[in-house]
N, C-alpha and C. Protein backbone atom coordinates (compact mmCIF):
# COMPACT_ATOMS: atom_id res chain seq x y z
N MET A 1 27.16 0.41 18.52
CA MET A 1 27.57 0.24 17.15
C MET A 1 28.97 -0.34 17.10
N THR A 2 29.20 -1.11 16.08
CA THR A 2 30.52 -1.68 15.88
C THR A 2 31.36 -0.69 15.08
N ARG A 3 32.64 -1.02 14.92
CA ARG A 3 33.54 -0.12 14.19
C ARG A 3 33.15 0.07 12.74
N ASP A 4 32.52 -0.94 12.12
CA ASP A 4 32.15 -0.83 10.70
C ASP A 4 30.79 -0.18 10.49
N GLY A 5 30.14 0.31 11.54
CA GLY A 5 28.89 1.05 11.41
C GLY A 5 27.65 0.19 11.55
N ALA A 6 27.79 -1.10 11.82
CA ALA A 6 26.63 -1.97 11.97
C ALA A 6 26.01 -1.76 13.35
N LEU A 7 24.72 -1.90 13.43
CA LEU A 7 24.00 -1.77 14.69
C LEU A 7 24.24 -3.03 15.50
N CYS A 8 24.59 -2.86 16.74
CA CYS A 8 24.90 -3.99 17.61
C CYS A 8 23.88 -4.00 18.74
N ILE A 9 23.21 -5.14 18.93
CA ILE A 9 22.19 -5.27 19.97
C ILE A 9 22.61 -6.43 20.87
N ILE A 10 22.48 -6.23 22.18
CA ILE A 10 22.79 -7.29 23.13
C ILE A 10 21.47 -7.95 23.51
N ILE A 11 21.34 -9.24 23.22
CA ILE A 11 20.13 -10.00 23.54
C ILE A 11 20.54 -11.19 24.39
N GLY A 12 20.06 -11.22 25.60
CA GLY A 12 20.35 -12.35 26.48
C GLY A 12 21.83 -12.60 26.68
N GLY A 13 22.63 -11.53 26.73
CA GLY A 13 24.05 -11.68 26.95
C GLY A 13 24.84 -11.98 25.68
N GLN A 14 24.13 -12.16 24.53
CA GLN A 14 24.82 -12.42 23.28
C GLN A 14 24.66 -11.22 22.36
N GLU A 15 25.67 -10.98 21.60
CA GLU A 15 25.68 -9.84 20.70
C GLU A 15 25.07 -10.23 19.36
N ALA A 16 24.12 -9.43 18.88
CA ALA A 16 23.52 -9.67 17.57
C ALA A 16 23.83 -8.48 16.68
N ILE A 17 24.41 -8.72 15.54
CA ILE A 17 24.79 -7.63 14.65
C ILE A 17 23.74 -7.53 13.56
N GLY A 18 23.23 -6.30 13.36
CA GLY A 18 22.19 -6.06 12.35
C GLY A 18 22.76 -5.50 11.07
N MET A 19 21.87 -4.91 10.27
CA MET A 19 22.26 -4.34 8.99
C MET A 19 23.06 -3.07 9.18
N LYS A 20 23.92 -2.78 8.21
CA LYS A 20 24.67 -1.53 8.21
C LYS A 20 23.76 -0.42 7.71
N PHE A 21 23.88 0.74 8.30
CA PHE A 21 23.14 1.90 7.83
C PHE A 21 23.92 2.54 6.69
N GLY A 22 23.21 3.06 5.72
CA GLY A 22 23.86 3.71 4.60
C GLY A 22 24.36 2.73 3.55
N LYS A 23 23.91 1.49 3.64
CA LYS A 23 24.33 0.48 2.67
C LYS A 23 23.71 0.80 1.32
N LYS A 24 24.50 0.72 0.27
CA LYS A 24 24.02 1.01 -1.07
C LYS A 24 23.02 -0.06 -1.50
N ARG A 25 21.86 0.38 -1.96
CA ARG A 25 20.84 -0.56 -2.40
C ARG A 25 20.99 -0.80 -3.90
N THR A 26 20.77 -2.03 -4.29
CA THR A 26 20.83 -2.36 -5.70
C THR A 26 19.44 -2.18 -6.32
N LYS A 27 19.42 -1.97 -7.64
CA LYS A 27 18.16 -1.83 -8.34
C LYS A 27 17.43 -3.16 -8.34
N PRO A 28 16.09 -3.12 -8.20
CA PRO A 28 15.34 -4.36 -8.35
C PRO A 28 15.53 -4.89 -9.77
N HIS A 29 15.48 -6.17 -9.93
CA HIS A 29 15.72 -6.76 -11.24
C HIS A 29 14.58 -7.70 -11.58
N PHE A 30 14.22 -7.73 -12.84
CA PHE A 30 13.26 -8.73 -13.30
C PHE A 30 13.88 -9.48 -14.46
N ASP A 31 13.55 -10.74 -14.55
CA ASP A 31 14.08 -11.60 -15.61
C ASP A 31 13.19 -11.46 -16.83
N ASP A 32 13.67 -10.75 -17.85
CA ASP A 32 12.84 -10.50 -19.03
C ASP A 32 12.66 -11.74 -19.90
N ASP A 33 13.38 -12.82 -19.62
CA ASP A 33 13.16 -14.07 -20.34
C ASP A 33 11.93 -14.80 -19.83
N SER A 34 11.60 -14.60 -18.55
CA SER A 34 10.47 -15.33 -17.97
C SER A 34 9.30 -14.44 -17.57
N ARG A 35 9.51 -13.12 -17.51
CA ARG A 35 8.43 -12.20 -17.10
C ARG A 35 8.36 -11.01 -18.03
N THR A 36 7.15 -10.48 -18.21
CA THR A 36 6.91 -9.33 -19.07
C THR A 36 6.29 -8.21 -18.23
N PRO A 37 6.78 -6.97 -18.33
CA PRO A 37 6.15 -5.88 -17.59
C PRO A 37 4.80 -5.53 -18.22
N VAL A 38 3.77 -5.42 -17.38
CA VAL A 38 2.43 -5.08 -17.86
C VAL A 38 1.75 -4.16 -16.85
N ILE A 39 0.68 -3.52 -17.31
CA ILE A 39 -0.19 -2.73 -16.44
C ILE A 39 -1.55 -3.40 -16.47
N ARG A 40 -2.04 -3.80 -15.30
CA ARG A 40 -3.37 -4.39 -15.20
C ARG A 40 -4.34 -3.26 -14.88
N ALA A 41 -5.32 -3.06 -15.76
CA ALA A 41 -6.27 -1.96 -15.60
C ALA A 41 -7.67 -2.53 -15.41
N SER A 42 -8.44 -1.91 -14.52
CA SER A 42 -9.82 -2.30 -14.28
C SER A 42 -10.72 -1.57 -15.27
N ILE A 43 -11.60 -2.29 -15.92
CA ILE A 43 -12.54 -1.68 -16.85
C ILE A 43 -13.55 -0.83 -16.08
N CYS A 44 -13.98 -1.28 -14.92
CA CYS A 44 -15.02 -0.59 -14.15
C CYS A 44 -14.51 0.68 -13.46
N THR A 45 -13.42 0.56 -12.71
CA THR A 45 -12.96 1.68 -11.87
C THR A 45 -11.83 2.48 -12.50
N GLY A 46 -11.14 1.92 -13.46
CA GLY A 46 -10.01 2.60 -14.07
C GLY A 46 -8.72 2.48 -13.29
N GLU A 47 -8.75 1.74 -12.18
CA GLU A 47 -7.55 1.55 -11.37
C GLU A 47 -6.49 0.81 -12.18
N GLN A 48 -5.23 1.25 -12.05
CA GLN A 48 -4.13 0.64 -12.78
C GLN A 48 -3.06 0.17 -11.80
N VAL A 49 -2.57 -1.04 -12.04
CA VAL A 49 -1.53 -1.62 -11.20
C VAL A 49 -0.41 -2.11 -12.11
N ALA A 50 0.81 -1.69 -11.83
CA ALA A 50 1.97 -2.13 -12.60
C ALA A 50 2.54 -3.39 -11.98
N GLY A 51 3.03 -4.26 -12.83
CA GLY A 51 3.62 -5.49 -12.34
C GLY A 51 4.20 -6.30 -13.47
N PHE A 52 4.35 -7.60 -13.22
CA PHE A 52 4.95 -8.48 -14.20
C PHE A 52 4.05 -9.70 -14.41
N ARG A 53 3.98 -10.14 -15.65
CA ARG A 53 3.21 -11.32 -16.01
C ARG A 53 4.19 -12.42 -16.40
N ARG A 54 4.05 -13.56 -15.74
CA ARG A 54 4.94 -14.68 -16.05
C ARG A 54 4.58 -15.27 -17.40
N LYS A 55 5.58 -15.52 -18.23
CA LYS A 55 5.34 -16.00 -19.59
C LYS A 55 4.89 -17.45 -19.62
N ASP A 56 5.30 -18.25 -18.65
CA ASP A 56 4.95 -19.67 -18.69
C ASP A 56 3.50 -19.97 -18.33
N ASP A 57 2.95 -19.28 -17.31
CA ASP A 57 1.58 -19.58 -16.90
C ASP A 57 0.66 -18.36 -16.89
N GLY A 58 1.17 -17.16 -17.20
CA GLY A 58 0.33 -15.97 -17.30
C GLY A 58 -0.08 -15.35 -15.97
N VAL A 59 0.51 -15.77 -14.86
CA VAL A 59 0.17 -15.23 -13.54
C VAL A 59 0.73 -13.82 -13.41
N PHE A 60 -0.10 -12.90 -12.91
CA PHE A 60 0.29 -11.50 -12.73
C PHE A 60 0.85 -11.31 -11.33
N GLU A 61 2.03 -10.67 -11.24
CA GLU A 61 2.66 -10.35 -9.96
C GLU A 61 2.62 -8.84 -9.77
N GLU A 62 1.83 -8.37 -8.84
CA GLU A 62 1.63 -6.94 -8.59
C GLU A 62 2.87 -6.32 -7.95
N VAL A 63 3.23 -5.09 -8.44
CA VAL A 63 4.37 -4.39 -7.87
C VAL A 63 3.93 -3.08 -7.23
N MET A 64 3.19 -2.25 -7.97
CA MET A 64 2.80 -0.95 -7.41
C MET A 64 1.55 -0.41 -8.08
N LEU A 65 0.83 0.42 -7.34
CA LEU A 65 -0.36 1.11 -7.84
C LEU A 65 0.08 2.30 -8.67
N ILE A 66 -0.56 2.49 -9.83
CA ILE A 66 -0.24 3.61 -10.71
C ILE A 66 -1.38 4.62 -10.62
N ARG A 67 -1.09 5.79 -10.08
CA ARG A 67 -2.09 6.86 -9.96
C ARG A 67 -1.82 8.01 -10.91
N SER A 68 -0.59 8.12 -11.40
CA SER A 68 -0.23 9.24 -12.27
C SER A 68 0.92 8.81 -13.19
N GLU A 69 1.25 9.70 -14.12
CA GLU A 69 2.39 9.46 -15.01
C GLU A 69 3.69 9.36 -14.21
N ALA A 70 3.78 10.11 -13.11
CA ALA A 70 4.98 10.06 -12.27
C ALA A 70 5.16 8.67 -11.66
N ASP A 71 4.06 8.03 -11.25
CA ASP A 71 4.15 6.67 -10.72
C ASP A 71 4.61 5.70 -11.79
N LEU A 72 4.07 5.85 -13.00
CA LEU A 72 4.48 4.98 -14.11
C LEU A 72 5.96 5.17 -14.42
N GLN A 73 6.42 6.42 -14.41
CA GLN A 73 7.83 6.69 -14.67
C GLN A 73 8.71 6.11 -13.57
N ALA A 74 8.25 6.18 -12.32
CA ALA A 74 9.00 5.60 -11.21
C ALA A 74 9.13 4.09 -11.37
N PHE A 75 8.07 3.44 -11.84
CA PHE A 75 8.10 1.99 -12.10
C PHE A 75 9.12 1.68 -13.20
N ARG A 76 9.07 2.46 -14.27
CA ARG A 76 10.02 2.27 -15.38
C ARG A 76 11.47 2.46 -14.91
N ASP A 77 11.70 3.52 -14.15
CA ASP A 77 13.06 3.81 -13.67
C ASP A 77 13.57 2.75 -12.70
N ALA A 78 12.69 2.27 -11.82
CA ALA A 78 13.10 1.29 -10.82
C ALA A 78 13.56 -0.02 -11.45
N TYR A 79 12.91 -0.42 -12.55
CA TYR A 79 13.24 -1.70 -13.17
C TYR A 79 13.96 -1.56 -14.51
N GLY A 80 14.26 -0.34 -14.93
CA GLY A 80 14.98 -0.12 -16.18
C GLY A 80 14.18 -0.52 -17.41
N ILE A 81 12.89 -0.24 -17.40
CA ILE A 81 12.00 -0.62 -18.50
C ILE A 81 11.94 0.51 -19.51
N GLU A 82 12.14 0.15 -20.77
CA GLU A 82 12.05 1.12 -21.86
C GLU A 82 11.00 0.63 -22.85
N GLY A 83 10.42 1.54 -23.59
CA GLY A 83 9.44 1.16 -24.61
C GLY A 83 8.03 1.05 -24.05
N GLU A 84 7.16 0.48 -24.84
CA GLU A 84 5.75 0.35 -24.52
C GLU A 84 5.51 -0.73 -23.47
N ILE A 85 4.60 -0.44 -22.53
CA ILE A 85 4.19 -1.43 -21.55
C ILE A 85 2.75 -1.81 -21.89
N LYS A 86 2.52 -3.10 -22.11
CA LYS A 86 1.20 -3.58 -22.51
C LYS A 86 0.21 -3.49 -21.35
N LYS A 87 -1.05 -3.14 -21.67
CA LYS A 87 -2.13 -3.12 -20.67
C LYS A 87 -2.96 -4.38 -20.82
N ILE A 88 -3.28 -4.97 -19.68
CA ILE A 88 -4.20 -6.11 -19.68
C ILE A 88 -5.41 -5.73 -18.83
N TYR A 89 -6.56 -6.29 -19.16
CA TYR A 89 -7.81 -5.97 -18.46
C TYR A 89 -8.39 -7.16 -17.79
């Protein structure tokens, strides 16, 4: 390890410095001007997937599987989403 806490690996006689441990992670961000948070639900199985739908072409980008209210709340908290989330089928 180096003095600043980064992992140091010696590869072929050269030193390679990796990521620092304990680095503060930033919240994921979505651009609300170009993407809308939605839940894609299956009519047949009832499976729900949270993600974002692009406003320009309507393509759905999957983020996480929703199995319970706790999962939905975790999705809201991770991206700072407030209010109603539209369901698409």
